[in-house]
Amino acid sequence: MTLGELPAEERGVILWEFPRKVPHGVQFLQLLQQLYGISNDPEEFSALAPWCPVFRVEG
C-alpha cells in the first residue's frame, strides 16, 4: 500500500466534504483553522487546499 499526494487543485473537493463526513476529525486540523481563521464550514475548509496535504491510498 502506498500514499500518493494529490495536487492542490484536486484537494478542495475532498476538504469540502471532510467536516460533513468526518466531523470528529476536524479537531486534527485545528492548527490550520487557527492559522487561517476558518470555521468548520465546508467552503472555508476547501479553501485550505493549497496548504493542507491530501493523500490517496493506493494499493
N, C-alpha and C. Protein backbone atom coordinates (compact mmCIF):
# COMPACT_ATOMS: atom_id res chain seq x y z
N MET A 1 0.84 -1.17 0.00
CA MET A 1 0.00 0.00 0.00
C MET A 1 0.89 1.24 0.00
N THR A 2 0.52 2.22 -0.80
CA THR A 2 1.28 3.47 -0.87
C THR A 2 0.34 4.67 -0.75
N LEU A 3 0.92 5.79 -0.40
CA LEU A 3 0.18 7.05 -0.35
C LEU A 3 0.65 7.92 -1.50
N GLY A 4 -0.28 8.52 -2.18
CA GLY A 4 0.05 9.45 -3.26
C GLY A 4 -0.58 10.80 -2.94
N GLU A 5 0.25 11.83 -2.83
CA GLU A 5 -0.28 13.16 -2.51
C GLU A 5 -1.01 13.75 -3.71
N LEU A 6 -2.20 14.27 -3.46
CA LEU A 6 -2.97 14.90 -4.52
C LEU A 6 -2.46 16.30 -4.78
N PRO A 7 -2.52 16.75 -6.04
CA PRO A 7 -2.16 18.13 -6.32
C PRO A 7 -3.18 19.08 -5.68
N ALA A 8 -2.77 20.29 -5.38
CA ALA A 8 -3.63 21.26 -4.68
C ALA A 8 -4.98 21.44 -5.37
N GLU A 9 -5.01 21.42 -6.70
CA GLU A 9 -6.27 21.66 -7.41
C GLU A 9 -7.27 20.52 -7.24
N GLU A 10 -6.85 19.36 -6.76
CA GLU A 10 -7.76 18.23 -6.52
C GLU A 10 -8.14 18.09 -5.05
N ARG A 11 -7.55 18.85 -4.17
CA ARG A 11 -7.79 18.70 -2.73
C ARG A 11 -9.08 19.37 -2.26
N GLY A 12 -9.46 20.47 -2.90
CA GLY A 12 -10.60 21.26 -2.43
C GLY A 12 -11.87 20.47 -2.24
N VAL A 13 -12.22 19.64 -3.21
CA VAL A 13 -13.47 18.88 -3.12
C VAL A 13 -13.43 17.90 -1.94
N ILE A 14 -12.28 17.31 -1.68
CA ILE A 14 -12.16 16.38 -0.55
C ILE A 14 -12.23 17.14 0.76
N LEU A 15 -11.53 18.25 0.84
CA LEU A 15 -11.58 19.06 2.06
C LEU A 15 -12.97 19.62 2.30
N TRP A 16 -13.72 19.90 1.23
CA TRP A 16 -15.09 20.40 1.37
C TRP A 16 -15.96 19.36 2.07
N GLU A 17 -15.76 18.09 1.75
CA GLU A 17 -16.55 17.00 2.33
C GLU A 17 -16.10 16.64 3.75
N PHE A 18 -14.87 16.93 4.09
CA PHE A 18 -14.30 16.47 5.36
C PHE A 18 -15.12 16.84 6.59
N PRO A 19 -15.51 18.12 6.81
CA PRO A 19 -16.27 18.43 8.03
C PRO A 19 -17.62 17.74 8.10
N ARG A 20 -18.21 17.42 6.94
CA ARG A 20 -19.51 16.74 6.94
C ARG A 20 -19.37 15.25 7.20
N LYS A 21 -18.38 14.63 6.60
CA LYS A 21 -18.24 13.18 6.68
C LYS A 21 -17.41 12.71 7.87
N VAL A 22 -16.52 13.56 8.35
CA VAL A 22 -15.65 13.19 9.47
C VAL A 22 -15.65 14.34 10.50
N PRO A 23 -16.81 14.68 11.07
CA PRO A 23 -16.86 15.83 11.97
C PRO A 23 -15.95 15.69 13.18
N HIS A 24 -15.76 14.48 13.68
CA HIS A 24 -14.87 14.29 14.82
C HIS A 24 -13.39 14.44 14.41
N GLY A 25 -13.10 14.39 13.13
CA GLY A 25 -11.73 14.54 12.66
C GLY A 25 -11.31 15.99 12.47
N VAL A 26 -12.28 16.90 12.51
CA VAL A 26 -11.98 18.32 12.32
C VAL A 26 -10.99 18.81 13.36
N GLN A 27 -11.05 18.26 14.56
CA GLN A 27 -10.14 18.70 15.62
C GLN A 27 -8.68 18.52 15.24
N PHE A 28 -8.37 17.59 14.35
CA PHE A 28 -6.99 17.37 13.94
C PHE A 28 -6.47 18.49 13.05
N LEU A 29 -7.37 19.30 12.53
CA LEU A 29 -6.96 20.42 11.68
C LEU A 29 -7.11 21.76 12.41
N GLN A 30 -7.23 21.72 13.73
CA GLN A 30 -7.43 22.96 14.49
C GLN A 30 -6.30 23.96 14.29
N LEU A 31 -5.08 23.51 14.19
CA LEU A 31 -3.97 24.43 13.99
C LEU A 31 -4.14 25.20 12.67
N LEU A 32 -4.48 24.49 11.61
CA LEU A 32 -4.73 25.17 10.34
C LEU A 32 -5.91 26.12 10.47
N GLN A 33 -6.94 25.70 11.20
CA GLN A 33 -8.10 26.56 11.38
C GLN A 33 -7.69 27.84 12.10
N GLN A 34 -6.86 27.73 13.11
CA GLN A 34 -6.42 28.90 13.86
C GLN A 34 -5.52 29.79 13.00
N LEU A 35 -4.60 29.18 12.28
CA LEU A 35 -3.68 29.97 11.45
C LEU A 35 -4.41 30.74 10.35
N TYR A 36 -5.42 30.13 9.75
CA TYR A 36 -6.09 30.76 8.62
C TYR A 36 -7.47 31.32 8.97
N GLY A 37 -7.85 31.24 10.24
CA GLY A 37 -9.09 31.85 10.70
C GLY A 37 -10.35 31.32 10.04
N ILE A 38 -10.43 30.00 9.91
CA ILE A 38 -11.61 29.41 9.28
C ILE A 38 -12.45 28.68 10.31
N SER A 39 -13.72 28.48 9.95
CA SER A 39 -14.63 27.71 10.80
C SER A 39 -14.72 26.29 10.24
N ASN A 40 -15.72 25.55 10.69
CA ASN A 40 -15.93 24.19 10.19
C ASN A 40 -16.79 24.17 8.93
N ASP A 41 -17.03 25.33 8.35
CA ASP A 41 -17.82 25.45 7.13
C ASP A 41 -17.10 24.75 5.97
N PRO A 42 -17.81 23.91 5.21
CA PRO A 42 -17.17 23.21 4.09
C PRO A 42 -16.48 24.14 3.08
N GLU A 43 -17.09 25.29 2.79
CA GLU A 43 -16.48 26.22 1.84
C GLU A 43 -15.13 26.73 2.36
N GLU A 44 -15.07 27.04 3.65
CA GLU A 44 -13.82 27.52 4.23
C GLU A 44 -12.78 26.41 4.29
N PHE A 45 -13.22 25.20 4.57
CA PHE A 45 -12.28 24.07 4.60
C PHE A 45 -11.67 23.83 3.24
N SER A 46 -12.48 23.92 2.19
CA SER A 46 -11.95 23.68 0.85
C SER A 46 -10.92 24.74 0.46
N ALA A 47 -10.99 25.91 1.06
CA ALA A 47 -10.02 26.97 0.79
C ALA A 47 -8.63 26.63 1.33
N LEU A 48 -8.53 25.62 2.19
CA LEU A 48 -7.23 25.20 2.74
C LEU A 48 -6.41 24.37 1.75
N ALA A 49 -6.97 24.05 0.60
CA ALA A 49 -6.31 23.15 -0.35
C ALA A 49 -4.85 23.48 -0.64
N PRO A 50 -4.46 24.74 -0.80
CA PRO A 50 -3.04 25.00 -1.10
C PRO A 50 -2.09 24.67 0.06
N TRP A 51 -2.61 24.62 1.29
CA TRP A 51 -1.74 24.43 2.46
C TRP A 51 -1.91 23.10 3.17
N CYS A 52 -2.96 22.36 2.84
CA CYS A 52 -3.26 21.12 3.56
C CYS A 52 -3.07 19.92 2.64
N PRO A 53 -2.03 19.11 2.87
CA PRO A 53 -1.83 17.95 2.01
C PRO A 53 -2.98 16.96 2.15
N VAL A 54 -3.35 16.37 1.05
CA VAL A 54 -4.37 15.33 0.99
C VAL A 54 -3.77 14.16 0.23
N PHE A 55 -3.97 12.96 0.75
CA PHE A 55 -3.33 11.78 0.14
C PHE A 55 -4.37 10.78 -0.34
N ARG A 56 -4.05 10.10 -1.41
CA ARG A 56 -4.83 8.99 -1.94
C ARG A 56 -4.12 7.71 -1.48
N VAL A 57 -4.88 6.79 -0.92
CA VAL A 57 -4.34 5.49 -0.53
C VAL A 57 -4.43 4.58 -1.74
N GLU A 58 -3.30 4.07 -2.15
CA GLU A 58 -3.24 3.21 -3.34
C GLU A 58 -2.72 1.82 -2.98
N GLY A 59 -3.29 0.85 -3.64
CA GLY A 59 -2.76 -0.50 -3.44
C GLY A 59 -3.73 -1.33 -2.79
